[in-house]
PDB file of N, CA and C in Angstrom:
ATOM      1  N   MET A   1      61.853  -8.837  -5.464  1.00  0.00           N
ATOM      2  CA  MET A   1      60.501  -9.020  -5.949  1.00  0.00           C
ATOM      3  C   MET A   1      59.573  -7.936  -5.429  1.00  0.00           C
ATOM      4  N   SER A   2      59.711  -7.546  -4.171  1.00  0.00           N
ATOM      5  CA  SER A   2      58.798  -6.547  -3.621  1.00  0.00           C
ATOM      6  C   SER A   2      58.946  -5.208  -4.323  1.00  0.00           C
ATOM      7  N   TYR A   3      60.162  -4.870  -4.780  1.00  0.00           N
ATOM      8  CA  TYR A   3      60.346  -3.614  -5.496  1.00  0.00           C
ATOM      9  C   TYR A   3      59.537  -3.624  -6.791  1.00  0.00           C
ATOM     10  N   ALA A   4      59.558  -4.748  -7.498  1.00  0.00           N
ATOM     11  CA  ALA A   4      58.808  -4.855  -8.754  1.00  0.00           C
ATOM     12  C   ALA A   4      57.324  -4.637  -8.526  1.00  0.00           C
ATOM     13  N   LEU A   5      56.800  -5.122  -7.426  1.00  0.00           N
ATOM     14  CA  LEU A   5      55.389  -4.930  -7.110  1.00  0.00           C
ATOM     15  C   LEU A   5      55.101  -3.476  -6.768  1.00  0.00           C
ATOM     16  N   CYS A   6      56.037  -2.822  -6.125  1.00  0.00           N
ATOM     17  CA  CYS A   6      55.847  -1.420  -5.729  1.00  0.00           C
ATOM     18  C   CYS A   6      55.918  -0.466  -6.906  1.00  0.00           C
ATOM     19  N   ILE A   7      56.809  -0.725  -7.841  1.00  0.00           N
ATOM     20  CA  ILE A   7      56.997   0.182  -8.970  1.00  0.00           C
ATOM     21  C   ILE A   7      55.956  -0.039 -10.068  1.00  0.00           C
ATOM     22  N   ASN A   8      55.290  -1.180 -10.063  1.00  0.00           N
ATOM     23  CA  ASN A   8      54.343  -1.520 -11.109  1.00  0.00           C
ATOM     24  C   ASN A   8      53.252  -0.463 -11.325  1.00  0.00           C
ATOM     25  N   PRO A   9      52.646   0.125 -10.299  1.00  0.00           N
ATOM     26  CA  PRO A   9      51.625   1.150 -10.555  1.00  0.00           C
ATOM     27  C   PRO A   9      52.163   2.341 -11.346  1.00  0.00           C
ATOM     28  N   LEU A  10      53.391   2.764 -11.065  1.00  0.00           N
ATOM     29  CA  LEU A  10      53.985   3.872 -11.816  1.00  0.00           C
ATOM     30  C   LEU A  10      54.220   3.461 -13.260  1.00  0.00           C
ATOM     31  N   VAL A  11      54.754   2.283 -13.481  1.00  0.00           N
ATOM     32  CA  VAL A  11      55.001   1.794 -14.836  1.00  0.00           C
ATOM     33  C   VAL A  11      53.690   1.727 -15.621  1.00  0.00           C
ATOM     34  N   LYS A  12      52.643   1.212 -15.011  1.00  0.00           N
ATOM     35  CA  LYS A  12      51.352   1.071 -15.693  1.00  0.00           C
ATOM     36  C   LYS A  12      50.763   2.418 -16.103  1.00  0.00           C
ATOM     37  N   ILE A  13      50.806   3.396 -15.204  1.00  0.00           N
ATOM     38  CA  ILE A  13      50.239   4.707 -15.543  1.00  0.00           C
ATOM     39  C   ILE A  13      51.051   5.390 -16.630  1.00  0.00           C
ATOM     40  N   LEU A  14      52.372   5.226 -16.618  1.00  0.00           N
ATOM     41  CA  LEU A  14      53.198   5.815 -17.671  1.00  0.00           C
ATOM     42  C   LEU A  14      52.947   5.116 -19.010  1.00  0.00           C
ATOM     43  N   GLU A  15      52.793   3.802 -18.996  1.00  0.00           N
ATOM     44  CA  GLU A  15      52.501   3.067 -20.236  1.00  0.00           C
ATOM     45  C   GLU A  15      51.171   3.526 -20.847  1.00  0.00           C
ATOM     46  N   LYS A  16      50.194   3.840 -20.005  1.00  0.00           N
ATOM     47  CA  LYS A  16      48.893   4.301 -20.505  1.00  0.00           C
ATOM     48  C   LYS A  16      48.950   5.735 -21.013  1.00  0.00           C
ATOM     49  N   SER A  17      49.815   6.552 -20.424  1.00  0.00           N
ATOM     50  CA  SER A  17      49.824   7.987 -20.693  1.00  0.00           C
ATOM     51  C   SER A  17      50.790   8.425 -21.783  1.00  0.00           C
ATOM     52  N   LEU A  18      51.806   7.615 -22.079  1.00  0.00           N
ATOM     53  CA  LEU A  18      52.836   7.995 -23.044  1.00  0.00           C
ATOM     54  C   LEU A  18      52.720   7.140 -24.299  1.00  0.00           C
ATOM     55  N   SER A  19      53.071   7.700 -25.448  1.00  0.00           N
ATOM     56  CA  SER A  19      52.970   6.931 -26.692  1.00  0.00           C
ATOM     57  C   SER A  19      54.116   5.942 -26.851  1.00  0.00           C
ATOM     58  N   GLY A  20      55.273   6.214 -26.291  1.00  0.00           N
ATOM     59  CA  GLY A  20      56.382   5.271 -26.319  1.00  0.00           C
ATOM     60  C   GLY A  20      57.039   5.139 -27.680  1.00  0.00           C
ATOM     61  N   VAL A  21      57.824   4.077 -27.827  1.00  0.00           N
ATOM     62  CA  VAL A  21      58.576   3.825 -29.052  1.00  0.00           C
ATOM     63  C   VAL A  21      58.301   2.398 -29.520  1.00  0.00           C
ATOM     64  N   LEU A  22      58.514   2.172 -30.812  1.00  0.00           N
ATOM     65  CA  LEU A  22      58.365   0.826 -31.368  1.00  0.00           C
ATOM     66  C   LEU A  22      59.580  -0.013 -31.006  1.00  0.00           C
ATOM     67  N   LEU A  23      59.335  -1.250 -30.620  1.00  0.00           N
ATOM     68  CA  LEU A  23      60.417  -2.164 -30.280  1.00  0.00           C
ATOM     69  C   LEU A  23      60.594  -3.189 -31.393  1.00  0.00           C
ATOM     70  N   GLY A  24      61.744  -3.189 -32.002  1.00  0.00           N
ATOM     71  CA  GLY A  24      62.072  -4.196 -32.997  1.00  0.00           C
ATOM     72  C   GLY A  24      61.052  -4.316 -34.106  1.00  0.00           C
ATOM     73  N   ARG A  25      60.924  -5.516 -34.616  1.00  0.00           N
ATOM     74  CA  ARG A  25      60.002  -5.787 -35.728  1.00  0.00           C
ATOM     75  C   ARG A  25      58.624  -6.223 -35.259  1.00  0.00           C
ATOM     76  N   SER A  26      58.476  -6.357 -33.969  1.00  0.00           N
ATOM     77  CA  SER A  26      57.200  -6.856 -33.434  1.00  0.00           C
ATOM     78  C   SER A  26      56.063  -5.860 -33.611  1.00  0.00           C
ATOM     79  N   GLY A  27      56.403  -4.582 -33.786  1.00  0.00           N
ATOM     80  CA  GLY A  27      55.380  -3.562 -33.896  1.00  0.00           C
ATOM     81  C   GLY A  27      54.802  -3.174 -32.553  1.00  0.00           C
ATOM     82  N   ARG A  28      55.359  -3.730 -31.491  1.00  0.00           N
ATOM     83  CA  ARG A  28      54.886  -3.442 -30.135  1.00  0.00           C
ATOM     84  C   ARG A  28      55.495  -2.140 -29.632  1.00  0.00           C
ATOM     85  N   ARG A  29      54.676  -1.333 -28.992  1.00  0.00           N
ATOM     86  CA  ARG A  29      55.143  -0.072 -28.424  1.00  0.00           C
ATOM     87  C   ARG A  29      55.382  -0.225 -26.933  1.00  0.00           C
ATOM     88  N   THR A  30      56.366   0.503 -26.432  1.00  0.00           N
ATOM     89  CA  THR A  30      56.579   0.571 -24.998  1.00  0.00           C
ATOM     90  C   THR A  30      57.053   1.970 -24.640  1.00  0.00           C
ATOM     91  N   ALA A  31      56.659   2.419 -23.489  1.00  0.00           N
ATOM     92  CA  ALA A  31      57.092   3.719 -22.997  1.00  0.00           C
ATOM     93  C   ALA A  31      58.050   3.572 -21.827  1.00  0.00           C
ATOM     94  N   VAL A  32      58.032   2.394 -21.178  1.00  0.00           N
ATOM     95  CA  VAL A  32      58.818   2.200 -19.959  1.00  0.00           C
ATOM     96  C   VAL A  32      59.467   0.820 -19.970  1.00  0.00           C
ATOM     97  N   VAL A  33      60.738   0.795 -19.575  1.00  0.00           N
ATOM     98  CA  VAL A  33      61.438  -0.464 -19.343  1.00  0.00           C
ATOM     99  C   VAL A  33      61.972  -0.390 -17.917  1.00  0.00           C
ATOM    100  N   ALA A  34      61.579  -1.350 -17.083  1.00  0.00           N
ATOM    101  CA  ALA A  34      62.016  -1.373 -15.688  1.00  0.00           C
ATOM    102  C   ALA A  34      62.753  -2.673 -15.419  1.00  0.00           C
ATOM    103  N   SER A  35      63.899  -2.551 -14.769  1.00  0.00           N
ATOM    104  CA  SER A  35      64.707  -3.711 -14.427  1.00  0.00           C
ATOM    105  C   SER A  35      65.377  -3.454 -13.087  1.00  0.00           C
ATOM    106  N   ALA A  36      65.145  -4.343 -12.135  1.00  0.00           N
ATOM    107  CA  ALA A  36      65.656  -4.156 -10.762  1.00  0.00           C
ATOM    108  C   ALA A  36      65.203  -2.788 -10.267  1.00  0.00           C
ATOM    109  N   ASP A  37      66.145  -1.902  -9.938  1.00  0.00           N
ATOM    110  CA  ASP A  37      65.732  -0.583  -9.456  1.00  0.00           C
ATOM    111  C   ASP A  37      66.005   0.512 -10.487  1.00  0.00           C
ATOM    112  N   ASP A  38      66.148   0.129 -11.755  1.00  0.00           N
ATOM    113  CA  ASP A  38      66.348   1.091 -12.842  1.00  0.00           C
ATOM    114  C   ASP A  38      65.081   1.180 -13.682  1.00  0.00           C
ATOM    115  N   VAL A  39      64.715   2.398 -14.027  1.00  0.00           N
ATOM    116  CA  VAL A  39      63.548   2.627 -14.871  1.00  0.00           C
ATOM    117  C   VAL A  39      63.971   3.534 -16.017  1.00  0.00           C
ATOM    118  N   THR A  40      63.698   3.112 -17.245  1.00  0.00           N
ATOM    119  CA  THR A  40      63.957   3.922 -18.431  1.00  0.00           C
ATOM    120  C   THR A  40      62.616   4.312 -19.021  1.00  0.00           C
ATOM    121  N   ILE A  41      62.441   5.610 -19.249  1.00  0.00           N
ATOM    122  CA  ILE A  41      61.193   6.129 -19.808  1.00  0.00           C
ATOM    123  C   ILE A  41      61.510   6.770 -21.152  1.00  0.00           C
ATOM    124  N   PHE A  42      60.805   6.343 -22.197  1.00  0.00           N
ATOM    125  CA  PHE A  42      61.032   6.875 -23.534  1.00  0.00           C
ATOM    126  C   PHE A  42      60.121   8.078 -23.771  1.00  0.00           C
ATOM    127  N   VAL A  43      60.726   9.213 -24.025  1.00  0.00           N
ATOM    128  CA  VAL A  43      60.010  10.465 -24.255  1.00  0.00           C
ATOM    129  C   VAL A  43      59.988  10.725 -25.751  1.00  0.00           C
ATOM    130  N   THR A  44      58.806  10.939 -26.305  1.00  0.00           N
ATOM    131  CA  THR A  44      58.696  11.164 -27.743  1.00  0.00           C
ATOM    132  C   THR A  44      58.187  12.556 -28.106  1.00  0.00           C
ATOM    133  N   LYS A  45      57.706  13.288 -27.123  1.00  0.00           N
ATOM    134  CA  LYS A  45      57.255  14.662 -27.382  1.00  0.00           C
ATOM    135  C   LYS A  45      57.430  15.490 -26.106  1.00  0.00           C
ATOM    136  N   PRO A  46      57.564  16.795 -26.246  1.00  0.00           N
ATOM    137  CA  PRO A  46      57.846  17.648 -25.082  1.00  0.00           C
ATOM    138  C   PRO A  46      56.828  17.519 -23.944  1.00  0.00           C
ATOM    139  N   ASP A  47      55.556  17.318 -24.254  1.00  0.00           N
ATOM    140  CA  ASP A  47      54.528  17.219 -23.222  1.00  0.00           C
ATOM    141  C   ASP A  47      54.709  15.984 -22.331  1.00  0.00           C
ATOM    142  N   ASP A  48      55.478  14.999 -22.806  1.00  0.00           N
ATOM    143  CA  ASP A  48      55.731  13.793 -22.018  1.00  0.00           C
ATOM    144  C   ASP A  48      56.407  14.121 -20.686  1.00  0.00           C
ATOM    145  N   PHE A  49      57.228  15.159 -20.660  1.00  0.00           N
ATOM    146  CA  PHE A  49      57.915  15.523 -19.425  1.00  0.00           C
ATOM    147  C   PHE A  49      56.923  15.923 -18.329  1.00  0.00           C
ATOM    148  N   ARG A  50      55.861  16.638 -18.718  1.00  0.00           N
ATOM    149  CA  ARG A  50      54.826  17.017 -17.759  1.00  0.00           C
ATOM    150  C   ARG A  50      54.096  15.779 -17.253  1.00  0.00           C
ATOM    151  N   VAL A  51      53.783  14.874 -18.153  1.00  0.00           N
ATOM    152  CA  VAL A  51      53.096  13.630 -17.786  1.00  0.00           C
ATOM    153  C   VAL A  51      53.944  12.845 -16.790  1.00  0.00           C
ATOM    154  N   ILE A  52      55.229  12.724 -17.070  1.00  0.00           N
ATOM    155  CA  ILE A  52      56.138  11.989 -16.188  1.00  0.00           C
ATOM    156  C   ILE A  52      56.229  12.672 -14.828  1.00  0.00           C
ATOM    157  N   ARG A  53      56.401  13.987 -14.824  1.00  0.00           N
ATOM    158  CA  ARG A  53      56.488  14.732 -13.565  1.00  0.00           C
ATOM    159  C   ARG A  53      55.239  14.517 -12.709  1.00  0.00           C
ATOM    160  N   ASP A  54      54.075  14.634 -13.319  1.00  0.00           N
ATOM    161  CA  ASP A  54      52.826  14.470 -12.573  1.00  0.00           C
ATOM    162  C   ASP A  54      52.670  13.042 -12.047  1.00  0.00           C
ATOM    163  N   ALA A  55      53.001  12.064 -12.883  1.00  0.00           N
ATOM    164  CA  ALA A  55      52.880  10.658 -12.462  1.00  0.00           C
ATOM    165  C   ALA A  55      53.836  10.348 -11.317  1.00  0.00           C
ATOM    166  N   VAL A  56      55.052  10.863 -11.393  1.00  0.00           N
ATOM    167  CA  VAL A  56      56.035  10.623 -10.329  1.00  0.00           C
ATOM    168  C   VAL A  56      55.579  11.286  -9.030  1.00  0.00           C
ATOM    169  N   ARG A  57      55.052  12.486  -9.109  1.00  0.00           N
ATOM    170  CA  ARG A  57      54.563  13.166  -7.895  1.00  0.00           C
ATOM    171  C   ARG A  57      53.440  12.371  -7.222  1.00  0.00           C
ATOM    172  N   ILE A  58      52.497  11.894  -8.008  1.00  0.00           N
ATOM    173  CA  ILE A  58      51.398  11.093  -7.460  1.00  0.00           C
ATOM    174  C   ILE A  58      51.940   9.804  -6.856  1.00  0.00           C
ATOM    175  N   TYR A  59      52.850   9.143  -7.567  1.00  0.00           N
ATOM    176  CA  TYR A  59      53.447   7.899  -7.082  1.00  0.00           C
ATOM    177  C   TYR A  59      54.190   8.120  -5.766  1.00  0.00           C
ATOM    178  N   GLN A  60      54.951   9.198  -5.683  1.00  0.00           N
ATOM    179  CA  GLN A  60      55.697   9.500  -4.457  1.00  0.00           C
ATOM    180  C   GLN A  60      54.761   9.717  -3.272  1.00  0.00           C
ATOM    181  N   LYS A  61      53.678  10.450  -3.495  1.00  0.00           N
ATOM    182  CA  LYS A  61      52.709  10.690  -2.420  1.00  0.00           C
ATOM    183  C   LYS A  61      52.050   9.397  -1.961  1.00  0.00           C
ATOM    184  N   ALA A  62      51.671   8.570  -2.921  1.00  0.00           N
ATOM    185  CA  ALA A  62      50.943   7.342  -2.598  1.00  0.00           C
ATOM    186  C   ALA A  62      51.837   6.280  -1.959  1.00  0.00           C
ATOM    187  N   SER A  63      53.097   6.209  -2.393  1.00  0.00           N
ATOM    188  CA  SER A  63      53.961   5.111  -1.957  1.00  0.00           C
ATOM    189  C   SER A  63      54.960   5.484  -0.869  1.00  0.00           C
ATOM    190  N   GLY A  64      55.232   6.773  -0.737  1.00  0.00           N
ATOM    191  CA  GLY A  64      56.278   7.194   0.191  1.00  0.00           C
ATOM    192  C   GLY A  64      57.669   7.081  -0.410  1.00  0.00           C
ATOM    193  N   ALA A  65      57.754   6.558  -1.645  1.00  0.00           N
ATOM    194  CA  ALA A  65      59.040   6.462  -2.346  1.00  0.00           C
ATOM    195  C   ALA A  65      59.458   7.852  -2.813  1.00  0.00           C
ATOM    196  N   CYS A  66      60.730   8.004  -3.105  1.00  0.00           N
ATOM    197  CA  CYS A  66      61.232   9.304  -3.536  1.00  0.00           C
ATOM    198  C   CYS A  66      62.195   9.125  -4.703  1.00  0.00           C
ATOM    199  N   LEU A  67      61.989   9.885  -5.757  1.00  0.00           N
ATOM    200  CA  LEU A  67      62.872   9.859  -6.907  1.00  0.00           C
ATOM    201  C   LEU A  67      64.194  10.508  -6.528  1.00  0.00           C
ATOM    202  N   ASN A  68      65.281   9.812  -6.761  1.00  0.00           N
ATOM    203  CA  ASN A  68      66.612  10.354  -6.487  1.00  0.00           C
ATOM    204  C   ASN A  68      67.069  11.124  -7.719  1.00  0.00           C
ATOM    205  N   THR A  69      66.919  12.442  -7.692  1.00  0.00           N
ATOM    206  CA  THR A  69      67.252  13.269  -8.856  1.00  0.00           C
ATOM    207  C   THR A  69      68.750  13.268  -9.126  1.00  0.00           C
ATOM    208  N   ARG A  70      69.575  13.004  -8.136  1.00  0.00           N
ATOM    209  CA  ARG A  70      71.026  12.954  -8.358  1.00  0.00           C
ATOM    210  C   ARG A  70      71.420  11.746  -9.205  1.00  0.00           C
ATOM    211  N   ASN A  71      70.632  10.702  -9.157  1.00  0.00           N
ATOM    212  CA  ASN A  71      70.911   9.506  -9.956  1.00  0.00           C
ATOM    213  C   ASN A  71      70.041   9.431 -11.206  1.00  0.00           C
ATOM    214  N   SER A  72      69.308  10.501 -11.504  1.00  0.00           N
ATOM    215  CA  SER A  72      68.425  10.517 -12.669  1.00  0.00           C
ATOM    216  C   SER A  72      69.102  11.267 -13.807  1.00  0.00           C
ATOM    217  N   LYS A  73      68.898  10.757 -15.025  1.00  0.00           N
ATOM    218  CA  LYS A  73      69.531  11.372 -16.179  1.00  0.00           C
ATOM    219  C   LYS A  73      68.535  11.444 -17.321  1.00  0.00           C
ATOM    220  N   ALA A  74      68.768  12.399 -18.213  1.00  0.00           N
ATOM    221  CA  ALA A  74      68.006  12.499 -19.452  1.00  0.00           C
ATOM    222  C   ALA A  74      68.994  12.427 -20.596  1.00  0.00           C
ATOM    223  N   LEU A  75      68.630  11.700 -21.628  1.00  0.00           N
ATOM    224  CA  LEU A  75      69.497  11.547 -22.788  1.00  0.00           C
ATOM    225  C   LEU A  75      68.666  11.762 -24.034  1.00  0.00           C
ATOM    226  N   ALA A  76      69.018  12.789 -24.798  1.00  0.00           N
ATOM    227  CA  ALA A  76      68.315  13.065 -26.044  1.00  0.00           C
ATOM    228  C   ALA A  76      68.960  12.250 -27.158  1.00  0.00           C
ATOM    229  N   THR A  77      68.134  11.594 -27.957  1.00  0.00           N
ATOM    230  CA  THR A  77      68.636  10.819 -29.092  1.00  0.00           C
ATOM    231  C   THR A  77      67.824  11.159 -30.317  1.00  0.00           C
ATOM    232  N   GLY A  78      68.330  10.741 -31.472  1.00  0.00           N
ATOM    233  CA  GLY A  78      67.585  10.936 -32.716  1.00  0.00           C
ATOM    234  C   GLY A  78      67.721  12.287 -33.184  1.00  0.00           C
TER     235      GLY A  78
END
């Protein structure tokens, strides 16, 4: 539970800053899906990478957390 509370500020800023993707028929958009210690970020345009980088840097400074780049992956689809 404490991890969910810690990661929430990063998820919120990414949701505000990224356009995300449509989910199902609901018409609802999301840019981030977080579960346990996994975070999936949907990138829809090249500038999103800069937004993500900046948000992660701010989050790391504020929280003391560190992104593990060895366990991070990017997957292009569509």
